[in-house]
Protein backbone atom coordinates (compact mmCIF):
# COMPACT_ATOMS: atom_id res chain seq x y z
CA MET A 1 -23.92 26.98 10.04
CA LYS A 2 -20.83 26.84 12.26
CA ARG A 3 -18.85 23.68 11.80
CA PRO A 4 -18.18 21.80 15.08
CA ALA A 5 -14.58 21.72 16.20
CA PRO A 6 -12.85 18.37 15.88
CA GLU A 7 -12.38 16.30 19.01
CA LEU A 8 -9.03 16.51 20.77
CA ALA A 9 -8.26 12.81 20.18
CA GLU A 10 -8.86 13.40 16.47
CA THR A 11 -6.73 16.55 16.44
CA LEU A 12 -3.84 14.74 18.08
CA HIS A 13 -4.37 11.59 15.98
CA LEU A 14 -4.47 9.29 19.00
CA GLY A 15 -4.94 6.07 17.09
CA ILE A 16 -8.26 6.84 15.43
CA PRO A 17 -9.21 3.63 13.53
CA ARG A 18 -10.55 3.65 10.00
CA ARG A 19 -14.07 2.53 9.07
CA PRO A 20 -14.33 -1.03 10.42
CA GLY A 21 -16.80 -2.24 7.78
CA ARG A 22 -14.61 -1.21 4.88
CA ALA A 23 -11.52 -2.62 6.60
CA MET A 24 -13.25 -5.97 7.15
CA LEU A 25 -14.25 -6.26 3.49
CA ALA A 26 -10.73 -5.43 2.37
CA ALA A 27 -9.31 -8.05 4.75
CA LEU A 28 -11.67 -10.73 3.40
CA ARG A 29 -10.65 -9.91 -0.17
CA HIS A 30 -6.98 -10.36 0.74
CA LEU A 31 -7.61 -13.63 2.56
CA LEU A 32 -9.75 -15.14 -0.20
CA GLY A 33 -7.46 -13.87 -2.95
CA ARG A 34 -4.30 -15.43 -1.47
CA PRO A 35 -5.17 -18.93 -0.28
CA ARG A 36 -1.54 -19.99 0.22
CA ALA A 37 -0.75 -17.09 2.54
CA THR A 38 -4.06 -17.60 4.35
CA GLY A 39 -3.17 -21.28 4.84
CA GLU A 40 0.19 -20.32 6.36
CA ILE A 41 -1.59 -18.05 8.84
CA LEU A 42 -4.02 -20.80 9.84
CA LEU A 43 -1.20 -23.33 10.18
CA ALA A 44 0.80 -21.00 12.43
CA ARG A 45 -2.29 -20.44 14.55
CA LEU A 46 -3.02 -24.17 14.85
CA GLN A 47 0.58 -24.82 15.85
CA GLY A 48 0.22 -22.34 18.69
CA ARG A 49 2.49 -19.72 17.12
CA ARG A 50 0.09 -16.88 17.81
CA LEU A 51 2.57 -14.04 17.36
CA ARG A 52 3.76 -15.47 14.03
CA ALA A 53 0.14 -15.76 12.90
CA ARG A 54 -0.62 -12.17 13.93
CA GLN A 55 2.43 -10.84 12.10
CA LYS A 56 1.58 -12.74 8.92
CA LEU A 57 -2.03 -11.58 9.08
CA ALA A 58 -0.95 -7.95 9.48
CA ALA A 59 1.38 -8.26 6.49
CA LEU A 60 -1.39 -9.79 4.36
CA VAL A 61 -4.44 -7.67 5.18
CA GLY A 62 -2.89 -4.53 6.65
CA ILE A 63 -3.22 -3.15 10.15
CA ASP A 64 -4.75 -0.26 12.04
CA HIS A 65 -4.87 1.24 15.51
CA ARG A 66 -6.64 -0.67 18.28
CA LEU A 67 -5.86 1.68 21.15
CA ALA A 68 -9.27 2.73 22.48
CA LEU A 69 -9.91 1.94 26.14
CA PRO A 70 -13.32 1.53 27.84
CA ALA A 71 -14.73 4.63 29.54
CA GLY A 72 -14.72 2.85 32.91
CA ILE A 73 -10.93 2.96 33.05
CA LEU A 74 -11.16 6.58 34.16
CA ASP A 75 -12.69 5.43 37.46
CA ARG A 76 -9.22 4.16 38.36
CA PHE A 77 -7.79 7.68 37.99
CA PRO A 78 -9.79 10.12 40.15
CA PRO A 79 -8.61 13.76 40.38
CA ALA A 80 -5.63 14.39 42.62
CA PRO A 81 -6.52 15.94 45.99
CA ALA A 82 -3.95 18.74 45.64
CA PRO A 83 -1.67 20.31 42.99
CA PRO A 84 2.13 20.14 43.18
CA ARG A 85 3.75 22.25 45.88
CA ASP A 86 7.10 24.04 46.19
CA ALA A 87 6.19 26.65 43.56
CA ILE A 88 6.16 24.08 40.74
CA ARG A 89 4.28 25.66 37.85
CA VAL A 90 1.81 23.50 35.96
CA PHE A 91 0.45 24.29 32.48
CA GLY A 92 -2.23 22.42 30.55
CA ASP A 93 -5.92 21.59 30.64
CA GLY A 94 -5.54 18.09 32.08
CA VAL A 95 -6.43 17.07 35.63
CA LEU A 96 -3.67 15.49 37.69
CA VAL A 97 -4.24 11.97 38.99
CA PRO A 98 -3.36 10.85 42.55
CA GLY A 99 0.36 10.47 43.00
CA ALA A 100 1.26 12.63 40.01
CA ALA A 101 2.29 15.63 42.08
CA ALA A 102 4.62 13.50 44.18
CA ARG A 103 6.17 11.88 41.09
CA ILE A 104 6.80 15.29 39.52
CA ALA A 105 8.40 16.64 42.68
CA ALA A 106 10.54 13.53 43.03
CA ALA A 107 11.75 13.82 39.44
CA PHE A 108 12.91 17.39 40.03
CA ALA A 109 14.56 16.44 43.32
CA ALA A 110 16.45 13.56 41.72
CA ASP A 111 17.86 15.57 38.79
CA PRO A 112 18.85 19.23 39.32
CA GLU A 113 19.32 19.73 35.56
CA LEU A 114 15.70 18.77 34.80
CA GLN A 115 13.68 21.93 34.20
CA ALA A 116 10.32 20.52 33.09
CA VAL A 117 8.51 17.19 32.90
CA TYR A 118 5.41 15.87 31.17
CA GLY A 119 3.74 12.51 31.27
CA ASP A 120 1.13 10.35 29.61
CA ALA A 121 -2.56 11.17 29.65
CA LEU A 122 -5.93 9.62 28.98
CA ILE A 123 -8.20 11.63 26.67
CA GLN A 124 -11.99 11.35 26.66
CA ASP A 125 -13.73 13.80 24.37
CA ARG A 126 -17.31 13.12 25.43
CA ALA A 127 -19.08 11.52 28.37
CA ARG A 128 -19.11 7.71 28.23
CA GLY A 129 -17.11 7.86 25.01
CA PRO A 130 -13.95 5.86 24.31
CA VAL A 131 -10.74 6.78 26.08
CA ARG A 132 -7.58 7.29 24.01
CA PRO A 133 -4.10 7.10 25.54
CA LEU A 134 -1.71 9.95 24.79
CA LEU A 135 1.69 8.22 24.77
CA PRO A 136 4.28 10.80 23.72
CA PRO A 137 7.93 10.31 22.76
CA VAL A 138 10.88 12.01 24.41
CA PHE A 139 10.82 15.77 23.92
CA ASP A 140 10.89 16.65 20.22
CA THR A 141 10.58 20.28 19.11
CA ASP A 142 9.96 19.27 15.49
CA LEU A 143 6.95 17.15 16.43
CA LEU A 144 5.74 19.76 18.93
CA ALA A 145 5.69 22.31 16.13
CA ALA A 146 2.95 20.30 14.42
CA VAL A 147 1.22 18.45 17.27
CA ASP A 148 0.74 19.92 20.74
CA TYR A 149 1.24 16.64 22.57
CA LEU A 150 2.01 18.55 25.80
CA GLU A 151 -1.47 20.06 26.04
CA PRO A 152 -2.71 18.00 29.04
CA LEU A 153 0.29 18.71 31.29
CA LEU A 154 3.70 20.33 31.55
CA ALA A 155 5.19 20.87 35.00
CA CYS A 156 8.06 23.35 35.35
CA ARG A 157 10.66 23.62 38.07
CA PRO A 158 10.64 26.90 40.01
CA GLY A 159 12.81 29.36 38.10
CA ALA A 160 12.78 27.39 34.87
CA LEU A 161 10.96 30.24 33.16
CA ALA A 162 12.14 33.81 33.16
CA PRO A 163 10.20 35.78 35.80
CA GLU A 164 8.77 38.22 33.28
CA THR A 165 7.32 35.54 30.98
CA GLN A 166 3.74 34.34 31.01
CA PRO A 167 3.52 31.36 28.63
CA SER A 168 0.26 30.92 26.77
CA GLY A 169 0.31 27.17 27.38
CA PRO A 170 2.49 24.07 27.75
CA ALA A 171 4.02 24.26 24.27
CA ASP A 172 4.94 27.92 24.70
CA ALA A 173 6.57 27.14 28.06
CA ALA A 174 8.43 24.14 26.62
CA PHE A 175 9.78 26.14 23.69
CA GLN A 176 11.09 28.80 26.07
CA ILE A 177 12.74 26.26 28.37
CA ALA A 178 14.35 24.42 25.44
CA GLU A 179 15.74 27.70 24.14
CA ARG A 180 17.07 28.68 27.56
CA TYR A 181 18.49 25.39 28.84
CA GLY A 182 18.38 22.92 25.92
CA ALA A 183 15.94 20.20 24.91
CA ARG A 184 17.51 17.61 27.22
CA THR A 185 16.30 19.52 30.28
CA ILE A 186 12.70 18.56 29.44
CA GLY A 187 11.88 15.03 30.54
CA HIS A 188 9.09 12.55 29.93
CA LEU A 189 7.61 10.34 32.67
CA PRO A 190 6.10 7.32 30.87
CA GLU A 191 3.10 6.88 33.16
CA ILE A 192 -0.40 8.32 33.41
CA LEU A 193 -0.13 11.73 35.10
CA ALA A 194 -3.26 13.46 33.82
CA ILE A 195 -6.80 12.93 32.56
CA ARG A 196 -8.35 15.23 29.98
CA ARG A 197 -12.11 15.23 29.45
CA GLY A 198 -12.81 17.51 26.55
CA ASP A 199 -15.70 19.33 24.96
CA PRO A 200 -15.84 19.26 21.14
CA ALA A 201 -17.18 22.84 21.19
CA ASP A 202 -14.20 24.08 23.19
CA THR A 203 -12.49 27.02 21.49
CA VAL A 204 -9.53 27.21 23.87
CA SER A 205 -8.11 23.70 23.66
CA PRO A 206 -6.27 22.40 20.56
CA ALA A 207 -9.62 21.00 19.41
CA GLY A 208 -10.83 24.53 18.75
CA GLU A 209 -9.69 27.44 16.58
CA GLY A 210 -8.48 29.37 19.62
CA GLY A 211 -6.08 26.60 20.50
CA ARG A 212 -4.72 26.43 16.96
CA HIS A 213 -4.03 30.16 16.83
CA ARG A 214 -2.41 30.05 20.27
CA HIS A 215 -0.14 27.21 19.20
CA ARG A 216 0.79 28.91 15.95
CA ASP A 217 1.65 32.14 17.76
CA ALA A 218 3.81 30.25 20.27
CA LEU A 219 5.62 28.49 17.41
CA ARG A 220 6.23 31.75 15.58
CA ARG A 221 7.74 33.32 18.68
CA HIS A 222 9.94 30.27 19.17
CA LEU A 223 11.25 30.43 15.61
CA ASP A 224 11.96 34.14 15.90
CA ARG A 225 13.75 33.82 19.24
CA SER A 226 15.89 30.94 17.98
CA GLY A 227 17.12 32.81 14.88
CA GLN A 228 14.79 31.11 12.40
CA THR A 229 12.97 34.22 11.24
CA ALA A 230 13.23 33.11 7.60
CA SER A 231 11.33 29.87 8.33
CA ARG A 232 7.67 29.94 7.35
CA ILE A 233 4.75 28.32 9.12
CA VAL A 234 2.32 26.69 6.73
CA VAL A 235 -0.88 24.80 7.45
CA ASP A 236 -1.16 21.53 5.56
CA GLY A 237 -4.36 20.03 4.19
CA HIS A 238 -5.05 18.30 7.52
CA GLY A 239 -4.72 21.39 9.69
CA LEU A 240 -1.24 20.54 10.96
CA LEU A 241 1.36 23.26 11.28
CA GLN A 242 4.50 22.63 9.25
CA VAL A 243 7.70 24.64 9.50
CA GLU A 244 9.14 25.31 6.05
CA HIS A 245 12.84 26.06 6.39
CA PRO A 246 14.43 28.16 3.63
CA LEU A 247 16.57 26.70 0.88
CA PRO A 248 19.78 28.38 -0.31
CA ASP A 249 19.75 30.25 -3.60
CA PRO A 250 21.06 28.86 -5.86
CA ARG A 251 20.13 25.38 -4.71
CA PRO A 252 23.14 23.10 -4.19
CA LEU A 253 24.01 20.12 -6.33
CA VAL A 254 22.43 16.91 -5.05
CA SER A 255 24.01 13.53 -5.84
CA VAL A 256 21.49 10.67 -6.08
CA ILE A 257 23.16 7.28 -5.65
CA VAL A 258 21.42 4.12 -6.93
CA PRO A 259 23.06 0.67 -6.49
CA THR A 260 22.09 -2.13 -8.87
CA ARG A 261 23.05 -5.46 -10.37
CA ASP A 262 21.12 -5.93 -13.61
CA ARG A 263 17.35 -5.81 -12.82
CA LEU A 264 16.69 -3.24 -15.53
CA ASP A 265 13.00 -3.84 -14.89
CA LEU A 266 13.54 -2.02 -11.58
CA LEU A 267 16.36 0.36 -12.48
CA ARG A 268 14.75 1.91 -15.56
CA PRO A 269 11.48 2.97 -13.83
CA CYS A 270 13.47 4.15 -10.83
CA LEU A 271 15.70 6.47 -12.89
CA ASP A 272 12.84 7.56 -15.14
CA SER A 273 10.80 8.55 -12.10
CA LEU A 274 13.72 10.48 -10.59
CA ALA A 275 14.08 12.44 -13.82
CA ALA A 276 10.37 13.09 -14.31
CA CYS A 277 9.25 13.57 -10.70
CA THR A 278 12.02 15.51 -9.00
CA ASP A 279 11.56 19.27 -8.79
CA TRP A 280 15.22 20.16 -8.24
CA PRO A 281 17.32 22.12 -10.74
CA ASN A 282 20.75 20.68 -9.94
CA LEU A 283 20.89 16.89 -9.86
CA GLU A 284 23.66 14.31 -10.34
CA ILE A 285 22.67 10.65 -10.85
CA LEU A 286 25.25 7.97 -10.00
CA VAL A 287 24.51 4.29 -10.59
CA CYS A 288 26.64 1.80 -8.64
CA ASP A 289 26.99 -1.19 -10.97
CA ASN A 290 27.73 -4.46 -9.19
CA ASP A 291 28.79 -6.69 -12.09
CA SER A 292 25.73 -6.37 -14.29
CA ARG A 293 25.92 -8.89 -17.11
CA GLU A 294 22.69 -8.69 -19.07
CA PRO A 295 23.31 -7.05 -22.46
CA GLU A 296 20.23 -4.86 -22.17
CA THR A 297 21.39 -3.52 -18.79
CA LEU A 298 24.91 -2.83 -20.06
CA ALA A 299 23.55 -0.99 -23.10
CA PHE A 300 21.26 1.05 -20.87
CA LEU A 301 24.14 2.09 -18.60
CA GLN A 302 26.31 3.01 -21.58
CA ASN A 303 23.55 5.19 -23.00
CA LEU A 304 23.01 6.77 -19.58
CA GLU A 305 26.58 8.06 -19.55
CA ARG A 306 26.75 8.86 -23.26
CA GLU A 307 23.58 10.97 -23.10
CA GLY A 308 24.75 12.76 -19.96
CA ARG A 309 21.82 11.57 -17.87
CA GLY A 310 24.03 10.02 -15.20
CA GLY A 311 27.32 8.41 -14.30
CA VAL A 312 28.16 4.77 -13.64
CA VAL A 313 30.44 3.74 -10.77
CA PRO A 314 31.79 0.19 -11.30
CA CYS A 315 31.57 -1.85 -8.06
CA PRO A 316 32.81 -5.36 -8.92
CA GLY A 317 32.98 -8.31 -6.56
CA PRO A 318 30.65 -9.82 -3.96
CA PHE A 319 27.56 -7.77 -3.24
CA ASN A 320 28.36 -5.19 -0.54
CA PHE A 321 25.62 -2.57 -0.40
CA ALA A 322 27.51 -0.34 2.03
CA ALA A 323 30.76 -0.41 0.04
CA MET A 324 28.93 0.36 -3.21
CA ASN A 325 27.30 3.44 -1.69
CA ASN A 326 30.60 4.53 -0.16
CA ALA A 327 32.34 4.25 -3.53
CA ALA A 328 29.75 6.43 -5.23
CA ALA A 329 29.73 8.91 -2.33
CA ALA A 330 33.51 9.32 -2.68
CA ARG A 331 33.01 10.29 -6.33
CA ALA A 332 29.91 12.44 -5.75
CA ARG A 333 30.20 16.19 -6.31
CA GLY A 334 26.99 17.19 -4.55
CA ALA A 335 26.66 18.99 -1.23
CA LEU A 336 23.84 16.56 -0.44
CA LEU A 337 23.81 12.79 -0.91
CA VAL A 338 20.60 10.84 -1.51
CA PHE A 339 20.85 7.06 -1.32
CA VAL A 340 18.00 5.45 -3.27
CA ASN A 341 17.34 1.76 -3.84
CA ASN A 342 16.77 0.62 -7.41
CA ASP A 343 13.27 -0.55 -6.40
CA VAL A 344 12.16 2.95 -5.32
CA GLU A 345 10.12 5.25 -7.56
CA ALA A 346 9.29 8.93 -7.12
CA PHE A 347 5.81 10.19 -7.97
CA ARG A 348 5.59 13.58 -6.24
CA PRO A 349 7.99 16.24 -7.55
CA ASP A 350 8.58 17.94 -4.20
CA TRP A 351 10.02 14.92 -2.37
CA LEU A 352 13.66 15.98 -2.65
CA ALA A 353 13.08 19.63 -1.73
CA ARG A 354 11.14 18.61 1.37
CA MET A 355 14.01 16.42 2.54
CA ALA A 356 16.68 18.99 1.66
CA ARG A 357 14.99 21.69 3.79
CA GLU A 358 15.66 19.48 6.81
CA ALA A 359 18.99 17.89 5.85
CA LEU A 360 20.62 21.32 5.43
CA ARG A 361 19.87 22.28 9.04
CA PRO A 362 23.15 22.17 11.04
CA GLU A 363 21.74 19.94 13.79
CA ILE A 364 20.20 17.35 11.42
CA GLY A 365 22.01 14.29 10.09
CA ALA A 366 20.10 11.65 8.14
CA VAL A 367 16.65 12.42 6.73
CA GLY A 368 14.18 9.76 5.59
CA ALA A 369 10.97 9.66 3.57
CA ARG A 370 7.60 7.95 3.91
CA LEU A 371 7.65 4.91 1.63
CA LEU A 372 4.64 3.02 0.29
CA ASP A 373 4.70 -0.63 -0.70
CA GLY A 374 3.27 -2.19 -3.85
CA GLU A 375 -0.24 -2.19 -2.38
CA GLY A 376 -0.09 1.46 -1.35
CA ARG A 377 0.40 0.70 2.34
CA ILE A 378 3.10 2.07 4.63
CA GLN A 379 6.41 0.29 4.11
CA HIS A 380 8.57 2.77 6.03
CA GLY A 381 7.69 5.49 8.51
CA GLY A 382 11.04 5.66 10.27
CA ILE A 383 12.92 2.87 12.06
CA VAL A 384 12.05 1.93 15.64
CA LEU A 385 14.64 0.21 17.82
CA GLY A 386 13.79 -2.64 20.17
CA THR A 387 10.63 -3.81 18.43
CA GLY A 388 9.94 -6.86 16.30
CA GLY A 389 12.84 -8.59 18.00
CA LEU A 390 15.48 -6.00 16.98
CA VAL A 391 14.33 -3.11 14.77
CA THR A 392 11.28 -2.51 12.62
CA HIS A 393 9.71 0.12 10.39
CA ALA A 394 7.22 2.38 12.12
CA HIS A 395 3.54 2.07 11.13
CA ARG A 396 4.37 -0.76 8.75
CA HIS A 397 1.33 -2.22 6.91
CA PHE A 398 -0.87 0.76 7.86
CA PRO A 399 -2.98 2.30 5.07
CA GLY A 400 -0.93 4.65 2.91
CA ASP A 401 -3.13 7.64 3.77
CA ALA A 402 -3.21 6.95 7.52
CA PRO A 403 -2.22 9.94 9.68
CA GLY A 404 -0.19 7.76 12.03
CA TYR A 405 -0.13 7.93 15.80
CA LEU A 406 0.43 11.54 16.91
CA ALA A 407 0.43 12.38 13.18
CA GLY A 408 3.64 10.38 12.77
CA LEU A 409 2.86 9.81 9.07
CA ARG A 410 2.19 13.50 8.42
CA ALA A 411 4.37 15.57 10.74
CA THR A 412 8.15 15.84 10.50
CA HIS A 413 9.65 14.36 13.68
CA ALA A 414 12.74 12.84 15.23
CA VAL A 415 13.41 9.10 14.89
CA SER A 416 16.35 6.91 15.80
CA ALA A 417 17.04 5.83 12.22
CA VAL A 418 15.68 5.77 8.67
CA THR A 419 16.11 3.30 5.85
CA ALA A 420 18.81 3.70 3.21
CA ALA A 421 16.16 2.86 0.61
CA CYS A 422 15.73 6.64 0.53
CA LEU A 423 18.10 8.51 2.82
CA MET A 424 19.47 12.05 2.47
CA VAL A 425 22.46 13.46 4.34
CA GLU A 426 24.85 16.34 3.82
CA THR A 427 28.05 15.09 2.22
CA ARG A 428 30.29 16.67 4.85
CA LYS A 429 28.34 15.03 7.70
CA PHE A 430 28.39 11.65 5.96
CA ARG A 431 32.13 11.81 5.49
CA SER A 432 32.76 13.12 9.02
CA VAL A 433 31.50 9.84 10.52
CA GLY A 434 33.23 7.64 7.94
CA GLY A 435 30.22 6.82 5.76
CA PHE A 436 28.59 3.39 5.88
CA ASP A 437 30.39 0.64 7.78
CA ASP A 438 31.07 -1.77 4.92
CA ALA A 439 33.00 -4.23 7.10
CA ASP A 440 30.44 -5.10 9.79
CA PHE A 441 27.26 -4.16 7.91
CA ALA A 442 27.80 -5.03 4.26
CA VAL A 443 24.11 -5.54 3.47
CA ASP A 444 21.85 -5.15 6.51
CA PHE A 445 21.64 -2.52 9.28
CA ASN A 446 24.21 -0.24 7.65
CA ASP A 447 21.54 2.46 7.55
CA VAL A 448 20.66 1.99 11.24
CA ASP A 449 24.34 2.06 12.18
CA LEU A 450 24.99 5.20 10.08
CA CYS A 451 22.06 7.04 11.67
CA LEU A 452 23.11 6.07 15.18
CA ARG A 453 26.67 7.26 14.53
CA LEU A 454 25.35 10.55 13.15
CA ASN A 455 23.10 10.85 16.21
CA ALA A 456 26.08 10.24 18.50
CA ALA A 457 27.96 13.00 16.67
CA GLY A 458 25.15 15.45 17.46
CA HIS A 459 23.27 15.24 14.14
CA HIS A 460 19.71 14.09 14.80
CA THR A 461 17.76 11.86 12.43
CA LEU A 462 14.42 13.05 11.04
CA LEU A 463 11.53 11.46 9.19
CA VAL A 464 9.86 13.78 6.66
CA PRO A 465 6.49 12.14 5.89
CA GLY A 466 5.67 14.85 3.37
CA ALA A 467 8.30 13.29 1.10
CA VAL A 468 6.53 10.22 -0.29
CA LEU A 469 7.87 7.56 -2.68
CA HIS A 470 7.01 4.00 -3.70
CA HIS A 471 9.23 1.14 -2.60
CA ARG A 472 9.05 -2.48 -3.76
CA GLU A 473 11.00 -3.69 -0.73
CA SER A 474 13.66 -6.32 -1.37
CA ALA A 475 12.36 -6.88 -4.89
CA SER A 476 15.90 -7.62 -6.00
CA ARG A 477 17.01 -9.65 -2.95
CA ARG A 478 17.51 -13.41 -3.09
CA TRP A 479 17.98 -15.29 0.21
CA THR A 480 20.62 -18.04 0.19
CA ARG A 481 22.27 -20.02 2.97
CA GLU A 482 25.29 -17.70 2.79
CA ALA A 483 23.05 -14.61 2.86
CA ARG A 484 21.27 -15.83 5.98
CA ALA A 485 24.58 -16.56 7.71
CA ARG A 486 25.83 -13.08 6.85
CA HIS A 487 22.54 -11.62 8.13
CA GLU A 488 23.03 -13.37 11.49
CA ARG A 489 26.58 -11.99 11.76
CA GLU A 490 25.31 -8.48 11.14
CA ILE A 491 22.60 -8.90 13.78
CA ALA A 492 25.31 -9.88 16.26
CA ALA A 493 27.43 -6.88 15.25
CA LEU A 494 24.50 -4.49 15.71
CA LYS A 495 23.77 -5.88 19.18
CA LYS A 496 27.41 -5.65 20.17
CA ARG A 497 27.79 -2.03 19.06
CA TRP A 498 24.40 -0.58 19.98
CA GLY A 499 22.97 -3.07 22.48
CA PRO A 500 21.75 -0.60 25.16
CA LEU A 501 19.92 1.53 22.56
CA LEU A 502 18.14 -1.54 21.19
CA VAL A 503 16.37 -2.16 24.49
CA GLN A 504 13.93 0.74 24.16
CA ASP A 505 13.78 3.40 21.47
CA PRO A 506 13.60 6.86 23.10
CA HIS A 507 11.28 8.06 20.36
CA TYR A 508 8.84 5.18 20.89
CA HIS A 509 6.66 4.74 23.95
CA PRO A 510 7.13 1.57 26.05
CA GLY A 511 3.35 1.34 26.48
CA PHE A 512 2.92 -0.06 22.97
CA ASP A 513 3.00 -3.76 22.14
CA PRO A 514 6.62 -4.44 21.08
CA ASP A 515 5.84 -7.52 19.00
CA LEU A 516 3.31 -6.42 16.38
CA SER A 517 3.46 -3.48 13.98
CA THR A 518 4.30 -0.29 15.85
CA HIS A 519 1.60 2.01 17.27
CA ALA A 520 -1.07 -0.63 16.68
CA ARG A 521 -1.73 -2.24 20.05
CA LEU A 522 -1.09 -1.49 23.72
CA ARG A 523 1.29 -3.59 25.78
CA ALA A 524 -0.40 -6.34 27.79
CA GLY A 525 -1.56 -4.96 31.14
CA PHE A 526 -1.47 -1.31 30.11
CA PRO A 527 -1.69 1.01 31.98
CA GLU A 528 -0.72 -1.04 35.04
CA ALA A 529 2.91 -0.12 35.51
CA GLY A 530 5.07 1.05 38.36
CA PRO A 531 7.02 4.30 38.47
CA ALA A 532 9.34 4.57 35.49
CA PRO A 533 12.56 6.58 35.05
CA VAL A 534 12.45 9.93 33.31
CA ARG A 535 13.15 9.70 29.58
CA ARG A 536 15.14 12.48 27.94
CA PRO A 537 16.17 13.25 24.36
CA PRO A 538 19.43 11.64 23.22
CA ALA A 539 22.49 13.83 23.72
């Protein structure tokens, strides 16, 4: 019997929630099992601090997508009376809404360098079924390789495509335009431009096998045209396409840098896991020791060096996370640096190789991993700017096996920053931007600042969700009055240096609620919004 094709919303991972019954039982277990935390949530709610209560509840019981819209919302977006004029070429299986053609034409008229635009869409897979919003980021070829988020609509300026080309679909056209003019010539209009009502039996759209083969063929042609013939396309266990970039032979030395002050209960399992669960033949371990005093820790570090399992870099004085990492990086011999917190543990041997395949690409700077907290939930899925008051970790508190919105927890994609709890970067790129800023960001935001400086230098930041590790976040941190004062100074320094970027992350859609965990809820009033400026990838 032929298996039915998955629905388009499922294929694109447009916020498909988990089983509500199971989630409710799990939430009740957490609430009943932690009466003190539950009491704090109730108190915050009674005091009228609703946002605080919601954030505490999400941290306690976990969170999931709540993005489905009622079917009746489509009545507000009837089909447009006419397609765009002036020889604008439109690709995709979505139906334009009224006003979309004019907005597309206006975008091209306002910016002569813009060669193509796409927008948001509403997806309904079956009649009277729920409607899912497709809220894409700025143009990202890495994400497009895995997820065809352009499928409903891509509009191209006349002449943007070579006359002899006949693209097989929006992704194929976008790849060709990016190759010809650069990724920044493809813009995103953050407003509803198209509606897509699908048929689960469709074999042409991405929900069918025909669409998958078409997308894979377009990706292969893109890789070949852009000089990446040695890169392989593999299909992961969820049907997503993943580009596997080649590694040099022999593989370069990698220096893994782990800061610590005592806490052997964290350091020992961290180093043991790196030794046992890292499939890389050429590894250098450097421990930054910030005045450890416990005899057991000192004996452990002495044995580490004596047995040749790693080196110890003394970092005396007040705790300065950035300076400690810089000191070890200056001593490191590896072509790649991996900064790892002492409360991180590896459990899948391929984590380092997956990150190295991306970090060695000339255009890539920092590379981050998917990190799971002590309860197996998402602790880090990239860093999003302008949410949670300043910055926050993407998909935080989601189930550890969640696909993420637009497969953000499965597909490699561009982000603004990643956490230094597990961050890889080529040594030469790290040194070219001066390493971590240990003056303004001694403890906090040094990773965000590093990534943003690498981005500004033309080295984009990537999240590689296929690299998965455990992270007991801040297990070794102790908040004091001095620490909080220093934290406030570093917040001020981040705002002063990167203020405009903190307003709205280009890789995160403004239609999401900025106050709760990312990708979980829609902004109040969505999709009622006026015309918005075109968003383009960072330079």
